Amino acid sequence: MSFLSQFSVTPKEIRLFKLWDAYAWHKVIWDLFPGREKKDRDFLFRVDMFHTQARLLLLSPRPPRLP
């Protein structure tokens, strides 16, 4: 089974977490799956930027931990 999750990220959160590039997003998303630091990445993500917020779509084999 796969989980498709969607998160809305405000401009304030983008600044707070310094989400300026794909690598920064990847690091933050990796933290949604604690205990997997030494394992291969098993999730896909997409970030859509809008004027007032960003939308994160995340496909993973397990549910992410809520931020």
PDB file of N, CA and C in Angstrom:
ATOM      1  N   MET A   1       0.850  -1.178   0.000  1.00  0.00           N
ATOM      2  CA  MET A   1       0.000   0.000   0.000  1.00  0.00           C
ATOM      3  C   MET A   1       0.891   1.235   0.000  1.00  0.00           C
ATOM      4  N   SER A   2       0.440   2.255  -0.688  1.00  0.00           N
ATOM      5  CA  SER A   2       1.146   3.537  -0.718  1.00  0.00           C
ATOM      6  C   SER A   2       0.260   4.616  -0.123  1.00  0.00           C
ATOM      7  N   PHE A   3       0.903   5.628   0.416  1.00  0.00           N
ATOM      8  CA  PHE A   3       0.196   6.762   1.009  1.00  0.00           C
ATOM      9  C   PHE A   3       0.514   8.009   0.194  1.00  0.00           C
ATOM     10  N   LEU A   4      -0.522   8.730  -0.188  1.00  0.00           N
ATOM     11  CA  LEU A   4      -0.367  10.021  -0.854  1.00  0.00           C
ATOM     12  C   LEU A   4      -0.790  11.091   0.140  1.00  0.00           C
ATOM     13  N   SER A   5       0.143  11.936   0.516  1.00  0.00           N
ATOM     14  CA  SER A   5      -0.112  12.986   1.511  1.00  0.00           C
ATOM     15  C   SER A   5       0.038  14.346   0.851  1.00  0.00           C
ATOM     16  N   GLN A   6      -0.737  15.297   1.329  1.00  0.00           N
ATOM     17  CA  GLN A   6      -0.656  16.663   0.827  1.00  0.00           C
ATOM     18  C   GLN A   6      -0.507  17.612   2.010  1.00  0.00           C
ATOM     19  N   PHE A   7       0.440  18.545   1.898  1.00  0.00           N
ATOM     20  CA  PHE A   7       0.670  19.545   2.925  1.00  0.00           C
ATOM     21  C   PHE A   7       0.643  20.916   2.276  1.00  0.00           C
ATOM     22  N   SER A   8       0.038  21.874   2.932  1.00  0.00           N
ATOM     23  CA  SER A   8       0.108  23.278   2.520  1.00  0.00           C
ATOM     24  C   SER A   8       1.168  23.952   3.371  1.00  0.00           C
ATOM     25  N   VAL A   9       2.063  24.671   2.728  1.00  0.00           N
ATOM     26  CA  VAL A   9       3.178  25.316   3.418  1.00  0.00           C
ATOM     27  C   VAL A   9       3.081  26.816   3.153  1.00  0.00           C
ATOM     28  N   THR A  10       3.012  27.586   4.216  1.00  0.00           N
ATOM     29  CA  THR A  10       2.867  29.035   4.107  1.00  0.00           C
ATOM     30  C   THR A  10       4.220  29.700   3.812  1.00  0.00           C
ATOM     31  N   PRO A  11       4.202  30.935   3.317  1.00  0.00           N
ATOM     32  CA  PRO A  11       5.459  31.665   3.109  1.00  0.00           C
ATOM     33  C   PRO A  11       6.281  31.791   4.397  1.00  0.00           C
ATOM     34  N   LYS A  12       5.601  31.964   5.519  1.00  0.00           N
ATOM     35  CA  LYS A  12       6.309  32.056   6.801  1.00  0.00           C
ATOM     36  C   LYS A  12       7.064  30.765   7.101  1.00  0.00           C
ATOM     37  N   GLU A  13       6.433  29.621   6.849  1.00  0.00           N
ATOM     38  CA  GLU A  13       7.091  28.327   7.074  1.00  0.00           C
ATOM     39  C   GLU A  13       8.238  28.113   6.084  1.00  0.00           C
ATOM     40  N   ILE A  14       8.071  28.582   4.858  1.00  0.00           N
ATOM     41  CA  ILE A  14       9.142  28.471   3.866  1.00  0.00           C
ATOM     42  C   ILE A  14      10.375  29.242   4.340  1.00  0.00           C
ATOM     43  N   ARG A  15      10.154  30.457   4.867  1.00  0.00           N
ATOM     44  CA  ARG A  15      11.273  31.247   5.398  1.00  0.00           C
ATOM     45  C   ARG A  15      11.860  30.604   6.651  1.00  0.00           C
ATOM     46  N   LEU A  16      11.006  30.127   7.549  1.00  0.00           N
ATOM     47  CA  LEU A  16      11.456  29.538   8.810  1.00  0.00           C
ATOM     48  C   LEU A  16      12.361  28.327   8.573  1.00  0.00           C
ATOM     49  N   PHE A  17      11.968  27.468   7.638  1.00  0.00           N
ATOM     50  CA  PHE A  17      12.738  26.257   7.365  1.00  0.00           C
ATOM     51  C   PHE A  17      13.724  26.419   6.210  1.00  0.00           C
ATOM     52  N   LYS A  18      13.814  27.638   5.651  1.00  0.00           N
ATOM     53  CA  LYS A  18      14.755  27.963   4.570  1.00  0.00           C
ATOM     54  C   LYS A  18      14.608  27.000   3.403  1.00  0.00           C
ATOM     55  N   LEU A  19      13.375  26.875   2.931  1.00  0.00           N
ATOM     56  CA  LEU A  19      13.072  25.958   1.840  1.00  0.00           C
ATOM     57  C   LEU A  19      13.294  26.655   0.502  1.00  0.00           C
ATOM     58  N   TRP A  20      14.568  26.917   0.183  1.00  0.00           N
ATOM     59  CA  TRP A  20      14.901  27.680  -1.011  1.00  0.00           C
ATOM     60  C   TRP A  20      15.139  26.791  -2.230  1.00  0.00           C
ATOM     61  N   ASP A  21      15.456  25.506  -2.012  1.00  0.00           N
ATOM     62  CA  ASP A  21      15.762  24.636  -3.145  1.00  0.00           C
ATOM     63  C   ASP A  21      15.297  23.205  -2.857  1.00  0.00           C
ATOM     64  N   ALA A  22      15.428  22.337  -3.848  1.00  0.00           N
ATOM     65  CA  ALA A  22      14.941  20.959  -3.726  1.00  0.00           C
ATOM     66  C   ALA A  22      15.654  20.202  -2.602  1.00  0.00           C
ATOM     67  N   TYR A  23      16.942  20.476  -2.407  1.00  0.00           N
ATOM     68  CA  TYR A  23      17.672  19.776  -1.346  1.00  0.00           C
ATOM     69  C   TYR A  23      17.129  20.149   0.032  1.00  0.00           C
ATOM     70  N   ALA A  24      16.802  21.411   0.247  1.00  0.00           N
ATOM     71  CA  ALA A  24      16.240  21.839   1.536  1.00  0.00           C
ATOM     72  C   ALA A  24      14.894  21.160   1.782  1.00  0.00           C
ATOM     73  N   TRP A  25      14.053  21.087   0.746  1.00  0.00           N
ATOM     74  CA  TRP A  25      12.773  20.381   0.881  1.00  0.00           C
ATOM     75  C   TRP A  25      13.026  18.917   1.227  1.00  0.00           C
ATOM     76  N   HIS A  26      13.974  18.302   0.533  1.00  0.00           N
ATOM     77  CA  HIS A  26      14.264  16.886   0.757  1.00  0.00           C
ATOM     78  C   HIS A  26      14.672  16.628   2.202  1.00  0.00           C
ATOM     79  N   LYS A  27      15.516  17.489   2.769  1.00  0.00           N
ATOM     80  CA  LYS A  27      15.949  17.315   4.160  1.00  0.00           C
ATOM     81  C   LYS A  27      14.771  17.401   5.120  1.00  0.00           C
ATOM     82  N   VAL A  28      13.879  18.365   4.912  1.00  0.00           N
ATOM     83  CA  VAL A  28      12.710  18.526   5.787  1.00  0.00           C
ATOM     84  C   VAL A  28      11.772  17.318   5.646  1.00  0.00           C
ATOM     85  N   ILE A  29      11.571  16.868   4.419  1.00  0.00           N
ATOM     86  CA  ILE A  29      10.689  15.717   4.194  1.00  0.00           C
ATOM     87  C   ILE A  29      11.272  14.462   4.829  1.00  0.00           C
ATOM     88  N   TRP A  30      12.575  14.284   4.740  1.00  0.00           N
ATOM     89  CA  TRP A  30      13.224  13.115   5.345  1.00  0.00           C
ATOM     90  C   TRP A  30      12.907  13.041   6.842  1.00  0.00           C
ATOM     91  N   ASP A  31      12.798  14.184   7.497  1.00  0.00           N
ATOM     92  CA  ASP A  31      12.484  14.229   8.930  1.00  0.00           C
ATOM     93  C   ASP A  31      11.062  13.754   9.240  1.00  0.00           C
ATOM     94  N   LEU A  32      10.203  13.664   8.219  1.00  0.00           N
ATOM     95  CA  LEU A  32       8.849  13.150   8.436  1.00  0.00           C
ATOM     96  C   LEU A  32       8.837  11.633   8.612  1.00  0.00           C
ATOM     97  N   PHE A  33       9.991  10.999   8.393  1.00  0.00           N
ATOM     98  CA  PHE A  33      10.112   9.547   8.520  1.00  0.00           C
ATOM     99  C   PHE A  33      11.236   9.204   9.498  1.00  0.00           C
ATOM    100  N   PRO A  34      11.004   9.403  10.796  1.00  0.00           N
ATOM    101  CA  PRO A  34      12.056   9.163  11.792  1.00  0.00           C
ATOM    102  C   PRO A  34      12.464   7.687  11.816  1.00  0.00           C
ATOM    103  N   GLY A  35      13.729   7.453  12.162  1.00  0.00           N
ATOM    104  CA  GLY A  35      14.236   6.095  12.268  1.00  0.00           C
ATOM    105  C   GLY A  35      14.719   5.526  10.944  1.00  0.00           C
ATOM    106  N   ARG A  36      14.727   6.318   9.886  1.00  0.00           N
ATOM    107  CA  ARG A  36      15.143   5.825   8.571  1.00  0.00           C
ATOM    108  C   ARG A  36      16.401   6.540   8.077  1.00  0.00           C
ATOM    109  N   GLU A  37      17.168   7.116   8.984  1.00  0.00           N
ATOM    110  CA  GLU A  37      18.319   7.920   8.587  1.00  0.00           C
ATOM    111  C   GLU A  37      19.347   7.127   7.778  1.00  0.00           C
ATOM    112  N   LYS A  38      19.517   5.859   8.072  1.00  0.00           N
ATOM    113  CA  LYS A  38      20.545   5.043   7.413  1.00  0.00           C
ATOM    114  C   LYS A  38      19.989   4.217   6.257  1.00  0.00           C
ATOM    115  N   LYS A  39      18.749   4.420   5.892  1.00  0.00           N
ATOM    116  CA  LYS A  39      18.122   3.621   4.844  1.00  0.00           C
ATOM    117  C   LYS A  39      17.978   4.424   3.569  1.00  0.00           C
ATOM    118  N   ASP A  40      17.701   3.712   2.490  1.00  0.00           N
ATOM    119  CA  ASP A  40      17.487   4.376   1.203  1.00  0.00           C
ATOM    120  C   ASP A  40      16.181   5.156   1.220  1.00  0.00           C
ATOM    121  N   ARG A  41      16.146   6.202   0.432  1.00  0.00           N
ATOM    122  CA  ARG A  41      14.924   7.001   0.295  1.00  0.00           C
ATOM    123  C   ARG A  41      13.880   6.157  -0.413  1.00  0.00           C
ATOM    124  N   ASP A  42      12.683   6.129   0.137  1.00  0.00           N
ATOM    125  CA  ASP A  42      11.610   5.342  -0.477  1.00  0.00           C
ATOM    126  C   ASP A  42      10.349   6.191  -0.666  1.00  0.00           C
ATOM    127  N   PHE A  43      10.543   7.488  -0.867  1.00  0.00           N
ATOM    128  CA  PHE A  43       9.410   8.377  -1.090  1.00  0.00           C
ATOM    129  C   PHE A  43       9.683   9.259  -2.303  1.00  0.00           C
ATOM    130  N   LEU A  44       8.613   9.731  -2.900  1.00  0.00           N
ATOM    131  CA  LEU A  44       8.675  10.697  -3.989  1.00  0.00           C
ATOM    132  C   LEU A  44       7.946  11.948  -3.533  1.00  0.00           C
ATOM    133  N   PHE A  45       8.406  13.103  -3.985  1.00  0.00           N
ATOM    134  CA  PHE A  45       7.711  14.327  -3.603  1.00  0.00           C
ATOM    135  C   PHE A  45       7.669  15.305  -4.759  1.00  0.00           C
ATOM    136  N   ARG A  46       6.714  16.193  -4.670  1.00  0.00           N
ATOM    137  CA  ARG A  46       6.550  17.269  -5.650  1.00  0.00           C
ATOM    138  C   ARG A  46       6.140  18.512  -4.874  1.00  0.00           C
ATOM    139  N   VAL A  47       6.719  19.625  -5.228  1.00  0.00           N
ATOM    140  CA  VAL A  47       6.381  20.909  -4.608  1.00  0.00           C
ATOM    141  C   VAL A  47       5.854  21.828  -5.697  1.00  0.00           C
ATOM    142  N   ASP A  48       4.649  22.337  -5.497  1.00  0.00           N
ATOM    143  CA  ASP A  48       4.050  23.329  -6.385  1.00  0.00           C
ATOM    144  C   ASP A  48       4.018  24.651  -5.642  1.00  0.00           C
ATOM    145  N   MET A  49       4.642  25.667  -6.233  1.00  0.00           N
ATOM    146  CA  MET A  49       4.684  26.985  -5.611  1.00  0.00           C
ATOM    147  C   MET A  49       3.554  27.843  -6.159  1.00  0.00           C
ATOM    148  N   PHE A  50       2.841  28.497  -5.255  1.00  0.00           N
ATOM    149  CA  PHE A  50       1.782  29.427  -5.602  1.00  0.00           C
ATOM    150  C   PHE A  50       2.133  30.783  -5.000  1.00  0.00           C
ATOM    151  N   HIS A  51       1.334  31.793  -5.269  1.00  0.00           N
ATOM    152  CA  HIS A  51       1.627  33.139  -4.753  1.00  0.00           C
ATOM    153  C   HIS A  51       1.563  33.198  -3.234  1.00  0.00           C
ATOM    154  N   THR A  52       0.610  32.502  -2.641  1.00  0.00           N
ATOM    155  CA  THR A  52       0.408  32.632  -1.195  1.00  0.00           C
ATOM    156  C   THR A  52       0.900  31.438  -0.395  1.00  0.00           C
ATOM    157  N   GLN A  53       1.262  30.352  -1.037  1.00  0.00           N
ATOM    158  CA  GLN A  53       1.734  29.173  -0.300  1.00  0.00           C
ATOM    159  C   GLN A  53       2.344  28.169  -1.270  1.00  0.00           C
ATOM    160  N   ALA A  54       2.852  27.079  -0.709  1.00  0.00           N
ATOM    161  CA  ALA A  54       3.357  25.967  -1.506  1.00  0.00           C
ATOM    162  C   ALA A  54       2.525  24.731  -1.165  1.00  0.00           C
ATOM    163  N   ARG A  55       2.431  23.847  -2.132  1.00  0.00           N
ATOM    164  CA  ARG A  55       1.742  22.581  -1.888  1.00  0.00           C
ATOM    165  C   ARG A  55       2.765  21.466  -2.063  1.00  0.00           C
ATOM    166  N   LEU A  56       2.865  20.626  -1.041  1.00  0.00           N
ATOM    167  CA  LEU A  56       3.764  19.480  -1.069  1.00  0.00           C
ATOM    168  C   LEU A  56       2.929  18.221  -1.236  1.00  0.00           C
ATOM    169  N   LEU A  57       3.231  17.453  -2.269  1.00  0.00           N
ATOM    170  CA  LEU A  57       2.622  16.143  -2.467  1.00  0.00           C
ATOM    171  C   LEU A  57       3.694  15.110  -2.185  1.00  0.00           C
ATOM    172  N   LEU A  58       3.344  14.102  -1.413  1.00  0.00           N
ATOM    173  CA  LEU A  58       4.311  13.120  -0.951  1.00  0.00           C
ATOM    174  C   LEU A  58       3.738  11.723  -1.120  1.00  0.00           C
ATOM    175  N   LEU A  59       4.443  10.862  -1.847  1.00  0.00           N
ATOM    176  CA  LEU A  59       4.040   9.477  -2.050  1.00  0.00           C
ATOM    177  C   LEU A  59       5.049   8.596  -1.322  1.00  0.00           C
ATOM    178  N   SER A  60       4.553   7.753  -0.418  1.00  0.00           N
ATOM    179  CA  SER A  60       5.446   6.945   0.403  1.00  0.00           C
ATOM    180  C   SER A  60       4.784   5.618   0.769  1.00  0.00           C
ATOM    181  N   PRO A  61       5.580   4.604   1.111  1.00  0.00           N
ATOM    182  CA  PRO A  61       5.015   3.321   1.490  1.00  0.00           C
ATOM    183  C   PRO A  61       4.484   3.288   2.921  1.00  0.00           C
ATOM    184  N   ARG A  62       4.769   4.312   3.702  1.00  0.00           N
ATOM    185  CA  ARG A  62       4.272   4.407   5.081  1.00  0.00           C
ATOM    186  C   ARG A  62       3.802   5.837   5.312  1.00  0.00           C
ATOM    187  N   PRO A  63       2.887   6.029   6.228  1.00  0.00           N
ATOM    188  CA  PRO A  63       2.408   7.404   6.464  1.00  0.00           C
ATOM    189  C   PRO A  63       3.510   8.262   7.105  1.00  0.00           C
ATOM    190  N   PRO A  64       3.611   9.506   6.689  1.00  0.00           N
ATOM    191  CA  PRO A  64       4.602  10.401   7.315  1.00  0.00           C
ATOM    192  C   PRO A  64       4.142  10.802   8.711  1.00  0.00           C
ATOM    193  N   ARG A  65       5.113  11.116   9.539  1.00  0.00           N
ATOM    194  CA  ARG A  65       4.815  11.682  10.855  1.00  0.00           C
ATOM    195  C   ARG A  65       4.352  13.109  10.630  1.00  0.00           C
ATOM    196  N   LEU A  66       3.300  13.499  11.294  1.00  0.00           N
ATOM    197  CA  LEU A  66       2.768  14.856  11.105  1.00  0.00           C
ATOM    198  C   LEU A  66       3.759  15.887  11.596  1.00  0.00           C
ATOM    199  N   PRO A  67       3.934  16.967  10.825  1.00  0.00           N
ATOM    200  CA  PRO A  67       4.909  18.010  11.229  1.00  0.00           C
ATOM    201  C   PRO A  67       4.428  18.793  12.427  1.00  0.00           C
TER     202      PRO A  67
END
